[in-house]
């Protein structure tokens, strides 16, 4: 029986044997290895400030998500999920107390 090891995976088959289908439960004993569950579908270099590139990623189910950003800071590279500008009721961009634009995430990983 094939086993899907991604987030929210069913633990219906274990090493050494299968469990009965009625006893299948989500496997929450270990965090998924995202390197094996999410693939980079496209990388577009875009170097400016901390920004290195835009990414499109593909999930095991085939969903493609665009506009992920590969960034670098003093702690090393990291990937930011897609986001959009905060807009107030008058259609103006919202900023924080330091004058930086505020953004809302469009997608997240739990």
N, C-alpha and C. Protein backbone atom coordinates (compact mmCIF):
# COMPACT_ATOMS: atom_id res chain seq x y z
N UNK A 1 0.85 -1.18 0.00
CA UNK A 1 0.00 0.00 0.00
C UNK A 1 0.89 1.23 0.00
N UNK A 2 0.70 2.20 -0.93
CA UNK A 2 1.53 3.40 -0.93
C UNK A 2 1.27 4.24 0.29
N UNK A 3 2.27 4.97 0.70
CA UNK A 3 2.14 5.83 1.88
C UNK A 3 2.48 7.25 1.51
N UNK A 4 1.63 8.16 1.87
CA UNK A 4 1.86 9.58 1.66
C UNK A 4 2.42 10.16 2.94
N UNK A 5 3.62 10.76 2.88
CA UNK A 5 4.28 11.24 4.08
C UNK A 5 4.21 12.75 4.25
N UNK A 6 3.35 13.43 3.52
CA UNK A 6 3.27 14.88 3.59
C UNK A 6 2.47 15.35 4.80
N UNK A 7 2.30 16.68 4.92
CA UNK A 7 1.53 17.23 6.04
C UNK A 7 0.12 16.66 6.04
N UNK A 8 -0.39 16.31 7.16
CA UNK A 8 -1.73 15.76 7.27
C UNK A 8 -1.83 14.34 6.75
N UNK A 9 -0.70 13.68 6.62
CA UNK A 9 -0.67 12.33 6.04
C UNK A 9 -1.38 11.34 6.94
N UNK A 10 -1.96 10.33 6.30
CA UNK A 10 -2.55 9.22 7.05
C UNK A 10 -1.45 8.24 7.38
N UNK A 11 -1.44 7.76 8.58
CA UNK A 11 -0.44 6.78 9.00
C UNK A 11 -1.06 5.40 8.92
N UNK A 12 -1.63 5.07 7.78
CA UNK A 12 -2.33 3.80 7.62
C UNK A 12 -1.40 2.63 7.43
N UNK A 13 -0.16 2.88 7.07
CA UNK A 13 0.80 1.80 6.90
C UNK A 13 2.05 2.15 7.69
N UNK A 14 2.50 1.25 8.49
CA UNK A 14 3.70 1.46 9.28
C UNK A 14 4.76 0.47 8.85
N UNK A 15 6.00 0.80 9.16
CA UNK A 15 7.08 -0.14 8.86
C UNK A 15 6.79 -1.45 9.58
N UNK A 16 6.87 -2.55 8.87
CA UNK A 16 6.63 -3.85 9.48
C UNK A 16 5.20 -4.33 9.36
N UNK A 17 4.31 -3.55 8.76
CA UNK A 17 2.94 -4.03 8.60
C UNK A 17 1.96 -2.90 8.46
N UNK A 18 0.73 -3.23 8.04
CA UNK A 18 -0.32 -2.24 7.84
C UNK A 18 -1.28 -2.27 9.02
N UNK A 19 -1.83 -1.11 9.34
CA UNK A 19 -2.90 -1.07 10.32
C UNK A 19 -4.22 -1.19 9.59
N UNK A 20 -5.22 -1.62 10.28
CA UNK A 20 -6.55 -1.72 9.67
C UNK A 20 -7.00 -0.32 9.25
N UNK A 21 -7.71 -0.23 8.13
CA UNK A 21 -8.14 1.06 7.60
C UNK A 21 -8.96 1.85 8.62
N UNK A 22 -9.76 1.18 9.41
CA UNK A 22 -10.58 1.88 10.39
C UNK A 22 -9.78 2.48 11.53
N UNK A 23 -8.54 2.08 11.68
CA UNK A 23 -7.70 2.58 12.78
C UNK A 23 -6.70 3.64 12.29
N UNK A 24 -6.80 4.06 11.03
CA UNK A 24 -5.85 5.03 10.49
C UNK A 24 -6.04 6.39 11.14
N UNK A 25 -4.95 7.00 11.56
CA UNK A 25 -4.97 8.32 12.19
C UNK A 25 -3.86 9.16 11.56
N UNK A 26 -4.02 10.50 11.57
CA UNK A 26 -2.95 11.34 11.07
C UNK A 26 -1.67 11.12 11.87
N UNK A 27 -0.54 11.07 11.19
CA UNK A 27 0.75 10.89 11.84
C UNK A 27 1.24 12.23 12.34
N UNK A 28 1.16 12.46 13.64
CA UNK A 28 1.60 13.73 14.21
C UNK A 28 2.85 13.56 15.06
N UNK A 29 3.53 12.43 14.93
CA UNK A 29 4.70 12.18 15.77
C UNK A 29 5.92 12.95 15.31
N UNK A 30 5.99 13.32 14.03
CA UNK A 30 7.13 14.06 13.52
C UNK A 30 6.66 15.14 12.57
N UNK A 31 7.37 16.26 12.55
CA UNK A 31 7.08 17.31 11.58
C UNK A 31 7.49 16.82 10.20
N UNK A 32 6.74 17.19 9.16
CA UNK A 32 7.10 16.76 7.82
C UNK A 32 8.40 17.42 7.36
N UNK A 33 9.12 16.75 6.51
CA UNK A 33 10.32 17.31 5.91
C UNK A 33 9.87 18.08 4.68
N UNK A 34 9.78 19.42 4.79
CA UNK A 34 9.26 20.22 3.70
C UNK A 34 10.11 20.14 2.45
N UNK A 35 11.38 19.80 2.59
CA UNK A 35 12.24 19.67 1.41
C UNK A 35 11.75 18.55 0.51
N UNK A 36 11.07 17.55 1.06
CA UNK A 36 10.58 16.44 0.25
C UNK A 36 9.11 16.59 -0.11
N UNK A 37 8.42 17.58 0.45
CA UNK A 37 7.00 17.71 0.18
C UNK A 37 6.67 18.93 -0.68
N UNK A 38 7.54 19.91 -0.75
CA UNK A 38 7.30 21.10 -1.56
C UNK A 38 8.48 21.26 -2.52
N UNK A 39 8.18 21.42 -3.81
CA UNK A 39 9.24 21.55 -4.82
C UNK A 39 9.23 22.95 -5.43
N UNK A 40 10.40 23.45 -5.77
CA UNK A 40 10.50 24.74 -6.46
C UNK A 40 10.21 24.49 -7.93
N UNK A 41 9.14 25.11 -8.43
CA UNK A 41 8.74 24.93 -9.82
C UNK A 41 9.44 25.94 -10.72
N UNK A 42 9.70 27.14 -10.19
CA UNK A 42 10.36 28.18 -10.98
C UNK A 42 11.11 29.12 -10.05
N UNK A 43 12.28 29.56 -10.46
CA UNK A 43 13.08 30.52 -9.71
C UNK A 43 13.45 31.64 -10.68
N UNK A 44 13.04 32.87 -10.35
CA UNK A 44 13.34 34.03 -11.18
C UNK A 44 14.23 34.98 -10.40
N UNK A 45 15.51 35.09 -10.76
CA UNK A 45 16.40 36.01 -10.04
C UNK A 45 15.86 37.44 -10.06
N UNK A 46 15.94 38.11 -8.91
CA UNK A 46 15.48 39.49 -8.77
C UNK A 46 16.24 40.08 -7.59
N UNK A 47 17.42 40.59 -7.85
CA UNK A 47 18.31 41.03 -6.77
C UNK A 47 18.12 42.52 -6.51
N UNK A 48 17.63 42.84 -5.31
CA UNK A 48 17.50 44.21 -4.85
C UNK A 48 17.42 44.20 -3.33
N UNK A 49 18.32 44.90 -2.66
CA UNK A 49 18.33 44.91 -1.20
C UNK A 49 18.51 43.51 -0.65
N UNK A 50 17.58 43.06 0.21
CA UNK A 50 17.63 41.71 0.80
C UNK A 50 17.04 40.66 -0.13
N UNK A 51 16.40 41.09 -1.19
CA UNK A 51 15.72 40.17 -2.10
C UNK A 51 16.70 39.53 -3.08
N UNK A 52 16.57 38.19 -3.25
CA UNK A 52 17.42 37.47 -4.20
C UNK A 52 16.65 36.95 -5.40
N UNK A 53 15.40 36.47 -5.19
CA UNK A 53 14.65 35.86 -6.29
C UNK A 53 13.18 35.68 -5.90
N UNK A 54 12.35 35.51 -6.94
CA UNK A 54 10.96 35.08 -6.77
C UNK A 54 10.90 33.59 -7.05
N UNK A 55 10.03 32.88 -6.33
CA UNK A 55 9.88 31.44 -6.51
C UNK A 55 8.42 31.10 -6.76
N UNK A 56 8.20 30.03 -7.52
CA UNK A 56 6.91 29.36 -7.59
C UNK A 56 7.15 27.98 -7.01
N UNK A 57 6.26 27.53 -6.14
CA UNK A 57 6.43 26.22 -5.50
C UNK A 57 5.24 25.32 -5.83
N UNK A 58 5.48 24.02 -5.85
CA UNK A 58 4.46 23.02 -6.13
C UNK A 58 4.34 22.08 -4.94
N UNK A 59 3.11 21.85 -4.48
CA UNK A 59 2.85 20.92 -3.38
C UNK A 59 2.68 19.52 -3.95
N UNK A 60 2.73 18.48 -3.10
CA UNK A 60 2.53 17.11 -3.59
C UNK A 60 1.20 16.91 -4.30
N UNK A 61 0.18 17.70 -3.94
CA UNK A 61 -1.13 17.55 -4.58
C UNK A 61 -1.21 18.27 -5.92
N UNK A 62 -0.14 18.99 -6.28
CA UNK A 62 -0.09 19.66 -7.57
C UNK A 62 -0.46 21.13 -7.53
N UNK A 63 -0.76 21.67 -6.37
CA UNK A 63 -1.09 23.10 -6.26
C UNK A 63 0.19 23.90 -6.46
N UNK A 64 0.12 24.90 -7.34
CA UNK A 64 1.27 25.77 -7.60
C UNK A 64 0.98 27.12 -6.96
N UNK A 65 1.91 27.61 -6.16
CA UNK A 65 1.79 28.90 -5.48
C UNK A 65 2.91 29.80 -5.98
N UNK A 66 2.56 31.00 -6.41
CA UNK A 66 3.52 31.93 -6.99
C UNK A 66 3.90 33.04 -6.01
N UNK A 67 4.93 33.77 -6.34
CA UNK A 67 5.38 34.97 -5.64
C UNK A 67 5.95 34.73 -4.24
N UNK A 68 6.52 33.57 -4.00
CA UNK A 68 7.32 33.37 -2.80
C UNK A 68 8.61 34.13 -3.04
N UNK A 69 9.23 34.65 -1.99
CA UNK A 69 10.44 35.46 -2.15
C UNK A 69 11.61 34.84 -1.40
N UNK A 70 12.71 34.67 -2.11
CA UNK A 70 13.96 34.23 -1.50
C UNK A 70 14.70 35.47 -1.05
N UNK A 71 14.94 35.58 0.24
CA UNK A 71 15.57 36.76 0.83
C UNK A 71 16.79 36.34 1.62
N UNK A 72 17.63 37.30 1.93
CA UNK A 72 18.82 37.03 2.73
C UNK A 72 18.91 38.11 3.81
N UNK A 73 19.30 37.69 5.00
CA UNK A 73 19.53 38.62 6.10
C UNK A 73 20.86 38.26 6.74
N UNK A 74 21.21 38.92 7.80
CA UNK A 74 22.50 38.60 8.45
C UNK A 74 22.52 37.19 9.02
N UNK A 75 21.33 36.59 9.22
CA UNK A 75 21.24 35.21 9.72
C UNK A 75 21.25 34.18 8.60
N UNK A 76 21.25 34.63 7.35
CA UNK A 76 21.28 33.71 6.22
C UNK A 76 20.04 33.82 5.36
N UNK A 77 19.92 32.96 4.34
CA UNK A 77 18.77 33.02 3.44
C UNK A 77 17.50 32.48 4.09
N UNK A 78 16.36 32.99 3.64
CA UNK A 78 15.06 32.51 4.10
C UNK A 78 14.03 32.77 3.01
N UNK A 79 12.90 32.08 3.10
CA UNK A 79 11.85 32.21 2.10
C UNK A 79 10.61 32.82 2.75
N UNK A 80 10.10 33.89 2.12
CA UNK A 80 8.90 34.58 2.60
C UNK A 80 7.72 34.17 1.72
N UNK A 81 6.59 33.82 2.34
CA UNK A 81 5.41 33.45 1.55
C UNK A 81 4.81 34.68 0.85
N UNK A 82 3.93 34.46 -0.13
CA UNK A 82 3.30 35.59 -0.82
C UNK A 82 2.53 36.48 0.15
N UNK A 83 2.47 37.77 -0.16
CA UNK A 83 1.75 38.71 0.69
C UNK A 83 1.20 39.84 -0.18
N UNK A 84 0.34 40.66 0.43
CA UNK A 84 -0.20 41.83 -0.27
C UNK A 84 -0.18 43.01 0.67
N UNK A 85 -0.15 44.22 0.10
CA UNK A 85 -0.15 45.43 0.91
C UNK A 85 -1.44 45.58 1.69
N UNK A 86 -1.34 46.10 2.93
CA UNK A 86 -2.52 46.49 3.69
C UNK A 86 -3.07 47.76 3.05
N UNK A 87 -4.36 47.79 2.79
CA UNK A 87 -5.01 48.98 2.23
C UNK A 87 -6.10 49.40 3.20
N UNK A 88 -6.16 50.70 3.53
CA UNK A 88 -7.19 51.17 4.46
C UNK A 88 -8.51 51.39 3.73
N UNK A 89 -9.54 51.81 4.47
CA UNK A 89 -10.88 51.97 3.88
C UNK A 89 -10.94 53.05 2.81
N UNK A 90 -9.94 53.95 2.80
CA UNK A 90 -9.89 55.01 1.79
C UNK A 90 -9.02 54.63 0.59
N UNK A 91 -8.52 53.38 0.57
CA UNK A 91 -7.71 52.91 -0.54
C UNK A 91 -6.24 53.30 -0.45
N UNK A 92 -5.82 53.79 0.71
CA UNK A 92 -4.43 54.19 0.91
C UNK A 92 -3.63 53.06 1.56
N UNK A 93 -2.33 52.98 1.20
CA UNK A 93 -1.45 51.97 1.83
C UNK A 93 -1.29 52.28 3.31
N UNK A 94 -1.38 51.24 4.14
CA UNK A 94 -1.18 51.41 5.58
C UNK A 94 0.29 51.27 5.90
N UNK A 95 0.77 52.05 6.86
CA UNK A 95 2.16 51.97 7.31
C UNK A 95 2.19 51.84 8.82
N UNK A 96 3.30 51.29 9.34
CA UNK A 96 3.44 51.15 10.78
C UNK A 96 4.03 52.44 11.36
N UNK A 97 4.30 52.45 12.67
CA UNK A 97 4.79 53.65 13.34
C UNK A 97 6.20 54.05 12.89
N UNK A 98 6.94 53.09 12.31
CA UNK A 98 8.28 53.39 11.79
C UNK A 98 8.24 53.84 10.33
N UNK A 99 7.04 53.91 9.74
CA UNK A 99 6.91 54.35 8.36
C UNK A 99 7.05 53.24 7.32
N UNK A 100 7.12 51.98 7.77
CA UNK A 100 7.23 50.85 6.83
C UNK A 100 5.85 50.42 6.38
N UNK A 101 5.74 49.99 5.10
CA UNK A 101 4.48 49.49 4.57
C UNK A 101 4.09 48.21 5.29
N UNK A 102 2.79 48.04 5.55
CA UNK A 102 2.28 46.82 6.19
C UNK A 102 1.80 45.85 5.12
N UNK A 103 2.06 44.57 5.33
CA UNK A 103 1.67 43.51 4.39
C UNK A 103 0.86 42.45 5.11
N UNK A 104 -0.04 41.80 4.38
CA UNK A 104 -0.82 40.66 4.89
C UNK A 104 -0.36 39.40 4.16
N UNK A 105 -0.12 38.30 4.89
CA UNK A 105 0.25 37.05 4.21
C UNK A 105 -0.95 36.49 3.45
N UNK A 106 -0.68 35.84 2.32
CA UNK A 106 -1.73 35.21 1.53
C UNK A 106 -1.80 33.72 1.76
N UNK A 107 -0.72 33.14 2.26
CA UNK A 107 -0.64 31.69 2.45
C UNK A 107 0.27 31.45 3.63
N UNK A 108 0.08 30.35 4.33
CA UNK A 108 0.94 30.00 5.45
C UNK A 108 1.12 28.50 5.54
N UNK A 109 2.12 28.10 6.29
CA UNK A 109 2.39 26.69 6.53
C UNK A 109 2.31 26.46 8.03
N UNK A 110 1.48 25.50 8.44
CA UNK A 110 1.36 25.23 9.87
C UNK A 110 2.27 24.11 10.31
